[in-house]
């Protein structure tokens, strides 16, 4: 399965715009290829939800803010 670099692109596009985000993703892809070729390691995909799993509190804060921008009231609770 071939993964497209859509997740890093979407994260960078909001900060940098289309052209610079595309250049940043190309650069990171090229760096990853160089490191794999020079070290002999295989590619290990972290997954599309890597950042959400790495820092769930930040993800919750972002989603609450997004809902509040839509004029919704939200109180996060732990799932039972």
PDB file of N, CA and C in Angstrom:
ATOM      1  N   UNK A   1       0.844  -1.176   0.000  1.00  0.00           N
ATOM      2  CA  UNK A   1       0.000   0.000   0.000  1.00  0.00           C
ATOM      3  C   UNK A   1       0.895   1.247   0.000  1.00  0.00           C
ATOM      4  N   UNK A   2       0.641   2.139  -0.893  1.00  0.00           N
ATOM      5  CA  UNK A   2       1.407   3.377  -0.980  1.00  0.00           C
ATOM      6  C   UNK A   2       0.622   4.487  -0.301  1.00  0.00           C
ATOM      7  N   UNK A   3       1.252   5.120   0.669  1.00  0.00           N
ATOM      8  CA  UNK A   3       0.593   6.222   1.378  1.00  0.00           C
ATOM      9  C   UNK A   3       0.990   7.545   0.737  1.00  0.00           C
ATOM     10  N   UNK A   4       0.039   8.417   0.615  1.00  0.00           N
ATOM     11  CA  UNK A   4       0.341   9.752   0.132  1.00  0.00           C
ATOM     12  C   UNK A   4       0.681  10.641   1.327  1.00  0.00           C
ATOM     13  N   UNK A   5       1.497  11.648   1.141  1.00  0.00           N
ATOM     14  CA  UNK A   5       1.868  12.520   2.266  1.00  0.00           C
ATOM     15  C   UNK A   5       0.805  13.577   2.559  1.00  0.00           C
ATOM     16  N   UNK A   6      -0.453  13.147   2.632  1.00  0.00           N
ATOM     17  CA  UNK A   6      -1.539  14.119   2.792  1.00  0.00           C
ATOM     18  C   UNK A   6      -1.601  14.705   4.200  1.00  0.00           C
ATOM     19  N   UNK A   7      -1.287  13.899   5.220  1.00  0.00           N
ATOM     20  CA  UNK A   7      -1.382  14.397   6.594  1.00  0.00           C
ATOM     21  C   UNK A   7      -0.372  15.516   6.846  1.00  0.00           C
ATOM     22  N   UNK A   8       0.926  15.311   6.538  1.00  0.00           N
ATOM     23  CA  UNK A   8       1.867  16.415   6.759  1.00  0.00           C
ATOM     24  C   UNK A   8       1.533  17.637   5.890  1.00  0.00           C
ATOM     25  N   UNK A   9       1.032  17.381   4.680  1.00  0.00           N
ATOM     26  CA  UNK A   9       0.679  18.496   3.792  1.00  0.00           C
ATOM     27  C   UNK A   9      -0.439  19.331   4.402  1.00  0.00           C
ATOM     28  N   UNK A  10      -1.497  18.665   4.901  1.00  0.00           N
ATOM     29  CA  UNK A  10      -2.613  19.406   5.489  1.00  0.00           C
ATOM     30  C   UNK A  10      -2.177  20.193   6.715  1.00  0.00           C
ATOM     31  N   UNK A  11      -1.279  19.609   7.516  1.00  0.00           N
ATOM     32  CA  UNK A  11      -0.798  20.307   8.705  1.00  0.00           C
ATOM     33  C   UNK A  11       0.000  21.549   8.317  1.00  0.00           C
ATOM     34  N   UNK A  12       0.835  21.438   7.292  1.00  0.00           N
ATOM     35  CA  UNK A  12       1.681  22.561   6.890  1.00  0.00           C
ATOM     36  C   UNK A  12       0.931  23.599   6.061  1.00  0.00           C
ATOM     37  N   UNK A  13      -0.077  23.169   5.305  1.00  0.00           N
ATOM     38  CA  UNK A  13      -0.785  24.094   4.417  1.00  0.00           C
ATOM     39  C   UNK A  13      -1.445  25.225   5.195  1.00  0.00           C
ATOM     40  N   UNK A  14      -2.004  24.911   6.356  1.00  0.00           N
ATOM     41  CA  UNK A  14      -2.668  25.955   7.128  1.00  0.00           C
ATOM     42  C   UNK A  14      -1.671  26.977   7.663  1.00  0.00           C
ATOM     43  N   UNK A  15      -0.430  26.556   7.853  1.00  0.00           N
ATOM     44  CA  UNK A  15       0.592  27.450   8.380  1.00  0.00           C
ATOM     45  C   UNK A  15       1.329  28.209   7.279  1.00  0.00           C
ATOM     46  N   UNK A  16       1.621  27.513   6.155  1.00  0.00           N
ATOM     47  CA  UNK A  16       2.524  28.067   5.147  1.00  0.00           C
ATOM     48  C   UNK A  16       1.878  28.418   3.813  1.00  0.00           C
ATOM     49  N   UNK A  17       0.718  27.858   3.529  1.00  0.00           N
ATOM     50  CA  UNK A  17       0.126  28.024   2.205  1.00  0.00           C
ATOM     51  C   UNK A  17       0.495  26.840   1.324  1.00  0.00           C
ATOM     52  N   UNK A  18      -0.146  26.750   0.159  1.00  0.00           N
ATOM     53  CA  UNK A  18       0.004  25.585  -0.710  1.00  0.00           C
ATOM     54  C   UNK A  18       1.437  25.358  -1.189  1.00  0.00           C
ATOM     55  N   UNK A  19       2.036  26.361  -1.781  1.00  0.00           N
ATOM     56  CA  UNK A  19       3.353  26.185  -2.397  1.00  0.00           C
ATOM     57  C   UNK A  19       4.442  25.806  -1.410  1.00  0.00           C
ATOM     58  N   UNK A  20       4.502  26.513  -0.309  1.00  0.00           N
ATOM     59  CA  UNK A  20       5.539  26.214   0.688  1.00  0.00           C
ATOM     60  C   UNK A  20       5.280  24.896   1.389  1.00  0.00           C
ATOM     61  N   UNK A  21       4.008  24.568   1.609  1.00  0.00           N
ATOM     62  CA  UNK A  21       3.685  23.279   2.231  1.00  0.00           C
ATOM     63  C   UNK A  21       4.103  22.136   1.322  1.00  0.00           C
ATOM     64  N   UNK A  22       3.863  22.290   0.035  1.00  0.00           N
ATOM     65  CA  UNK A  22       4.273  21.270  -0.922  1.00  0.00           C
ATOM     66  C   UNK A  22       5.793  21.114  -0.920  1.00  0.00           C
ATOM     67  N   UNK A  23       6.514  22.230  -0.889  1.00  0.00           N
ATOM     68  CA  UNK A  23       7.971  22.176  -0.827  1.00  0.00           C
ATOM     69  C   UNK A  23       8.463  21.525   0.458  1.00  0.00           C
ATOM     70  N   UNK A  24       7.806  21.799   1.582  1.00  0.00           N
ATOM     71  CA  UNK A  24       8.200  21.210   2.863  1.00  0.00           C
ATOM     72  C   UNK A  24       7.984  19.704   2.854  1.00  0.00           C
ATOM     73  N   UNK A  25       6.877  19.248   2.273  1.00  0.00           N
ATOM     74  CA  UNK A  25       6.599  17.814   2.213  1.00  0.00           C
ATOM     75  C   UNK A  25       7.592  17.130   1.271  1.00  0.00           C
ATOM     76  N   UNK A  26       7.910  17.766   0.167  1.00  0.00           N
ATOM     77  CA  UNK A  26       8.917  17.199  -0.744  1.00  0.00           C
ATOM     78  C   UNK A  26      10.257  17.072  -0.043  1.00  0.00           C
ATOM     79  N   UNK A  27      10.627  18.103   0.710  1.00  0.00           N
ATOM     80  CA  UNK A  27      11.905  18.095   1.423  1.00  0.00           C
ATOM     81  C   UNK A  27      11.948  16.975   2.458  1.00  0.00           C
ATOM     82  N   UNK A  28      10.883  16.833   3.243  1.00  0.00           N
ATOM     83  CA  UNK A  28      10.881  15.793   4.274  1.00  0.00           C
ATOM     84  C   UNK A  28      10.878  14.397   3.651  1.00  0.00           C
ATOM     85  N   UNK A  29      10.202  14.233   2.512  1.00  0.00           N
ATOM     86  CA  UNK A  29      10.213  12.951   1.809  1.00  0.00           C
ATOM     87  C   UNK A  29      11.608  12.629   1.301  1.00  0.00           C
ATOM     88  N   UNK A  30      12.275  13.622   0.732  1.00  0.00           N
ATOM     89  CA  UNK A  30      13.633  13.432   0.226  1.00  0.00           C
ATOM     90  C   UNK A  30      14.596  13.096   1.367  1.00  0.00           C
ATOM     91  N   UNK A  31      14.461  13.779   2.505  1.00  0.00           N
ATOM     92  CA  UNK A  31      15.309  13.480   3.672  1.00  0.00           C
ATOM     93  C   UNK A  31      15.062  12.070   4.178  1.00  0.00           C
ATOM     94  N   UNK A  32      13.799  11.647   4.230  1.00  0.00           N
ATOM     95  CA  UNK A  32      13.478  10.290   4.687  1.00  0.00           C
ATOM     96  C   UNK A  32      14.087   9.253   3.745  1.00  0.00           C
ATOM     97  N   UNK A  33      13.991   9.501   2.447  1.00  0.00           N
ATOM     98  CA  UNK A  33      14.588   8.578   1.468  1.00  0.00           C
ATOM     99  C   UNK A  33      16.093   8.503   1.650  1.00  0.00           C
ATOM    100  N   UNK A  34      16.743   9.639   1.827  1.00  0.00           N
ATOM    101  CA  UNK A  34      18.194   9.651   2.006  1.00  0.00           C
ATOM    102  C   UNK A  34      18.605   8.861   3.247  1.00  0.00           C
ATOM    103  N   UNK A  35      17.895   9.073   4.354  1.00  0.00           N
ATOM    104  CA  UNK A  35      18.215   8.354   5.586  1.00  0.00           C
ATOM    105  C   UNK A  35      17.996   6.849   5.433  1.00  0.00           C
ATOM    106  N   UNK A  36      16.939   6.452   4.740  1.00  0.00           N
ATOM    107  CA  UNK A  36      16.690   5.020   4.542  1.00  0.00           C
ATOM    108  C   UNK A  36      17.766   4.404   3.659  1.00  0.00           C
ATOM    109  N   UNK A  37      18.164   5.105   2.615  1.00  0.00           N
ATOM    110  CA  UNK A  37      19.184   4.563   1.723  1.00  0.00           C
ATOM    111  C   UNK A  37      20.561   4.536   2.375  1.00  0.00           C
ATOM    112  N   UNK A  38      20.875   5.541   3.179  1.00  0.00           N
ATOM    113  CA  UNK A  38      22.202   5.594   3.784  1.00  0.00           C
ATOM    114  C   UNK A  38      22.344   4.647   4.978  1.00  0.00           C
ATOM    115  N   UNK A  39      21.228   4.379   5.678  1.00  0.00           N
ATOM    116  CA  UNK A  39      21.314   3.517   6.858  1.00  0.00           C
ATOM    117  C   UNK A  39      20.845   2.088   6.588  1.00  0.00           C
ATOM    118  N   UNK A  40      20.137   1.877   5.503  1.00  0.00           N
ATOM    119  CA  UNK A  40      19.627   0.538   5.186  1.00  0.00           C
ATOM    120  C   UNK A  40      18.348   0.184   5.920  1.00  0.00           C
ATOM    121  N   UNK A  41      17.766   1.125   6.639  1.00  0.00           N
ATOM    122  CA  UNK A  41      16.517   0.870   7.356  1.00  0.00           C
ATOM    123  C   UNK A  41      15.336   0.878   6.399  1.00  0.00           C
ATOM    124  N   UNK A  42      14.286   0.164   6.789  1.00  0.00           N
ATOM    125  CA  UNK A  42      13.054   0.170   6.018  1.00  0.00           C
ATOM    126  C   UNK A  42      12.130   1.259   6.553  1.00  0.00           C
ATOM    127  N   UNK A  43      11.206   1.695   5.713  1.00  0.00           N
ATOM    128  CA  UNK A  43      10.251   2.737   6.090  1.00  0.00           C
ATOM    129  C   UNK A  43       9.243   2.171   7.079  1.00  0.00           C
ATOM    130  N   UNK A  44       9.018   2.876   8.171  1.00  0.00           N
ATOM    131  CA  UNK A  44       8.037   2.483   9.175  1.00  0.00           C
ATOM    132  C   UNK A  44       6.986   3.583   9.255  1.00  0.00           C
ATOM    133  N   UNK A  45       5.813   3.317   8.705  1.00  0.00           N
ATOM    134  CA  UNK A  45       4.746   4.318   8.676  1.00  0.00           C
ATOM    135  C   UNK A  45       4.159   4.497  10.075  1.00  0.00           C
ATOM    136  N   UNK A  46       4.127   5.721  10.558  1.00  0.00           N
ATOM    137  CA  UNK A  46       3.607   6.013  11.889  1.00  0.00           C
ATOM    138  C   UNK A  46       2.088   6.071  11.916  1.00  0.00           C
ATOM    139  N   UNK A  47       1.459   6.231  10.778  1.00  0.00           N
ATOM    140  CA  UNK A  47       0.000   6.260  10.708  1.00  0.00           C
ATOM    141  C   UNK A  47      -0.533   7.679  10.622  1.00  0.00           C
ATOM    142  N   UNK A  48      -1.714   7.799  10.082  1.00  0.00           N
ATOM    143  CA  UNK A  48      -2.332   9.097   9.901  1.00  0.00           C
ATOM    144  C   UNK A  48      -2.747   9.767  11.194  1.00  0.00           C
ATOM    145  N   UNK A  49      -2.924   8.981  12.246  1.00  0.00           N
ATOM    146  CA  UNK A  49      -3.340   9.548  13.528  1.00  0.00           C
ATOM    147  C   UNK A  49      -2.175   9.625  14.520  1.00  0.00           C
ATOM    148  N   UNK A  50      -0.959   9.654  14.018  1.00  0.00           N
ATOM    149  CA  UNK A  50       0.231   9.669  14.874  1.00  0.00           C
ATOM    150  C   UNK A  50       0.213  10.847  15.846  1.00  0.00           C
ATOM    151  N   UNK A  51      -0.061  12.030  15.346  1.00  0.00           N
ATOM    152  CA  UNK A  51      -0.035  13.216  16.204  1.00  0.00           C
ATOM    153  C   UNK A  51      -1.170  13.196  17.224  1.00  0.00           C
ATOM    154  N   UNK A  52      -2.322  12.647  16.851  1.00  0.00           N
ATOM    155  CA  UNK A  52      -3.446  12.540  17.790  1.00  0.00           C
ATOM    156  C   UNK A  52      -3.109  11.549  18.904  1.00  0.00           C
ATOM    157  N   UNK A  53      -2.439  10.455  18.558  1.00  0.00           N
ATOM    158  CA  UNK A  53      -2.048   9.472  19.573  1.00  0.00           C
ATOM    159  C   UNK A  53      -0.908   9.987  20.439  1.00  0.00           C
ATOM    160  N   UNK A  54      -0.018  10.778  19.857  1.00  0.00           N
ATOM    161  CA  UNK A  54       1.141  11.272  20.592  1.00  0.00           C
ATOM    162  C   UNK A  54       0.737  12.272  21.672  1.00  0.00           C
ATOM    163  N   UNK A  55      -0.220  13.128  21.364  1.00  0.00           N
ATOM    164  CA  UNK A  55      -0.637  14.156  22.322  1.00  0.00           C
ATOM    165  C   UNK A  55      -2.163  14.299  22.307  1.00  0.00           C
ATOM    166  N   UNK A  56      -2.870  13.378  22.976  1.00  0.00           N
ATOM    167  CA  UNK A  56      -4.340  13.428  22.925  1.00  0.00           C
ATOM    168  C   UNK A  56      -4.934  14.681  23.549  1.00  0.00           C
ATOM    169  N   UNK A  57      -4.291  15.244  24.564  1.00  0.00           N
ATOM    170  CA  UNK A  57      -4.828  16.462  25.186  1.00  0.00           C
ATOM    171  C   UNK A  57      -4.844  17.617  24.185  1.00  0.00           C
ATOM    172  N   UNK A  58      -3.812  17.712  23.368  1.00  0.00           N
ATOM    173  CA  UNK A  58      -3.754  18.760  22.352  1.00  0.00           C
ATOM    174  C   UNK A  58      -4.852  18.552  21.302  1.00  0.00           C
ATOM    175  N   UNK A  59      -5.101  17.297  20.934  1.00  0.00           N
ATOM    176  CA  UNK A  59      -6.149  16.980  19.968  1.00  0.00           C
ATOM    177  C   UNK A  59      -7.513  17.370  20.526  1.00  0.00           C
ATOM    178  N   UNK A  60      -7.757  17.070  21.807  1.00  0.00           N
ATOM    179  CA  UNK A  60      -9.023  17.428  22.447  1.00  0.00           C
ATOM    180  C   UNK A  60      -9.203  18.939  22.462  1.00  0.00           C
ATOM    181  N   UNK A  61      -8.151  19.664  22.831  1.00  0.00           N
ATOM    182  CA  UNK A  61      -8.208  21.126  22.877  1.00  0.00           C
ATOM    183  C   UNK A  61      -8.517  21.709  21.497  1.00  0.00           C
ATOM    184  N   UNK A  62      -7.895  21.150  20.458  1.00  0.00           N
ATOM    185  CA  UNK A  62      -8.115  21.621  19.092  1.00  0.00           C
ATOM    186  C   UNK A  62      -9.552  21.366  18.652  1.00  0.00           C
ATOM    187  N   UNK A  63     -10.076  20.174  18.964  1.00  0.00           N
ATOM    188  CA  UNK A  63     -11.439  19.836  18.558  1.00  0.00           C
ATOM    189  C   UNK A  63     -12.484  20.662  19.309  1.00  0.00           C
ATOM    190  N   UNK A  64     -12.253  20.920  20.601  1.00  0.00           N
ATOM    191  CA  UNK A  64     -13.170  21.766  21.374  1.00  0.00           C
ATOM    192  C   UNK A  64     -13.183  23.180  20.804  1.00  0.00           C
ATOM    193  N   UNK A  65     -11.997  23.702  20.492  1.00  0.00           N
ATOM    194  CA  UNK A  65     -11.920  25.048  19.906  1.00  0.00           C
ATOM    195  C   UNK A  65     -12.637  25.102  18.563  1.00  0.00           C
ATOM    196  N   UNK A  66     -12.506  24.034  17.780  1.00  0.00           N
ATOM    197  CA  UNK A  66     -13.174  23.987  16.481  1.00  0.00           C
ATOM    198  C   UNK A  66     -14.693  24.004  16.658  1.00  0.00           C
ATOM    199  N   UNK A  67     -15.207  23.252  17.612  1.00  0.00           N
ATOM    200  CA  UNK A  67     -16.645  23.260  17.872  1.00  0.00           C
ATOM    201  C   UNK A  67     -17.118  24.604  18.417  1.00  0.00           C
ATOM    202  N   UNK A  68     -16.314  25.236  19.261  1.00  0.00           N
ATOM    203  CA  UNK A  68     -16.692  26.544  19.793  1.00  0.00           C
ATOM    204  C   UNK A  68     -16.725  27.611  18.707  1.00  0.00           C
ATOM    205  N   UNK A  69     -15.866  27.484  17.697  1.00  0.00           N
ATOM    206  CA  UNK A  69     -15.932  28.419  16.562  1.00  0.00           C
ATOM    207  C   UNK A  69     -17.234  28.249  15.791  1.00  0.00           C
ATOM    208  N   UNK A  70     -17.827  27.045  15.880  1.00  0.00           N
ATOM    209  CA  UNK A  70     -19.126  26.787  15.254  1.00  0.00           C
ATOM    210  C   UNK A  70     -20.283  27.100  16.199  1.00  0.00           C
ATOM    211  N   UNK A  71     -19.973  27.799  17.300  1.00  0.00           N
ATOM    212  CA  UNK A  71     -20.946  28.224  18.299  1.00  0.00           C
ATOM    213  C   UNK A  71     -21.641  27.052  18.986  1.00  0.00           C
ATOM    214  N   UNK A  72     -20.862  26.012  19.292  1.00  0.00           N
ATOM    215  CA  UNK A  72     -21.356  24.853  20.023  1.00  0.00           C
ATOM    216  C   UNK A  72     -20.714  24.837  21.408  1.00  0.00           C
ATOM    217  N   UNK A  73     -21.465  24.443  22.412  1.00  0.00           N
ATOM    218  CA  UNK A  73     -20.951  24.322  23.760  1.00  0.00           C
ATOM    219  C   UNK A  73     -20.553  22.868  24.005  1.00  0.00           C
ATOM    220  N   UNK A  74     -19.328  22.667  24.474  1.00  0.00           N
ATOM    221  CA  UNK A  74     -18.809  21.302  24.632  1.00  0.00           C
ATOM    222  C   UNK A  74     -18.145  21.183  25.991  1.00  0.00           C
ATOM    223  N   UNK A  75     -18.387  20.051  26.653  1.00  0.00           N
ATOM    224  CA  UNK A  75     -17.694  19.719  27.893  1.00  0.00           C
ATOM    225  C   UNK A  75     -17.077  18.331  27.711  1.00  0.00           C
ATOM    226  N   UNK A  76     -15.762  18.244  27.545  1.00  0.00           N
ATOM    227  CA  UNK A  76     -15.134  16.926  27.340  1.00  0.00           C
ATOM    228  C   UNK A  76     -15.232  16.076  28.597  1.00  0.00           C
ATOM    229  N   UNK A  77     -15.558  14.789  28.399  1.00  0.00           N
ATOM    230  CA  UNK A  77     -15.626  13.833  29.496  1.00  0.00           C
ATOM    231  C   UNK A  77     -14.907  12.558  29.067  1.00  0.00           C
ATOM    232  N   UNK A  78     -14.329  11.860  30.030  1.00  0.00           N
ATOM    233  CA  UNK A  78     -13.702  10.576  29.754  1.00  0.00           C
ATOM    234  C   UNK A  78     -14.774   9.567  29.377  1.00  0.00           C
ATOM    235  N   UNK A  79     -14.472   8.700  28.417  1.00  0.00           N
ATOM    236  CA  UNK A  79     -15.416   7.659  28.035  1.00  0.00           C
ATOM    237  C   UNK A  79     -15.468   6.591  29.120  1.00  0.00           C
ATOM    238  N   UNK A  80     -16.646   6.029  29.303  1.00  0.00           N
ATOM    239  CA  UNK A  80     -16.811   5.009  30.348  1.00  0.00           C
ATOM    240  C   UNK A  80     -16.251   3.674  29.907  1.00  0.00           C
TER     241      UNK A  80
END
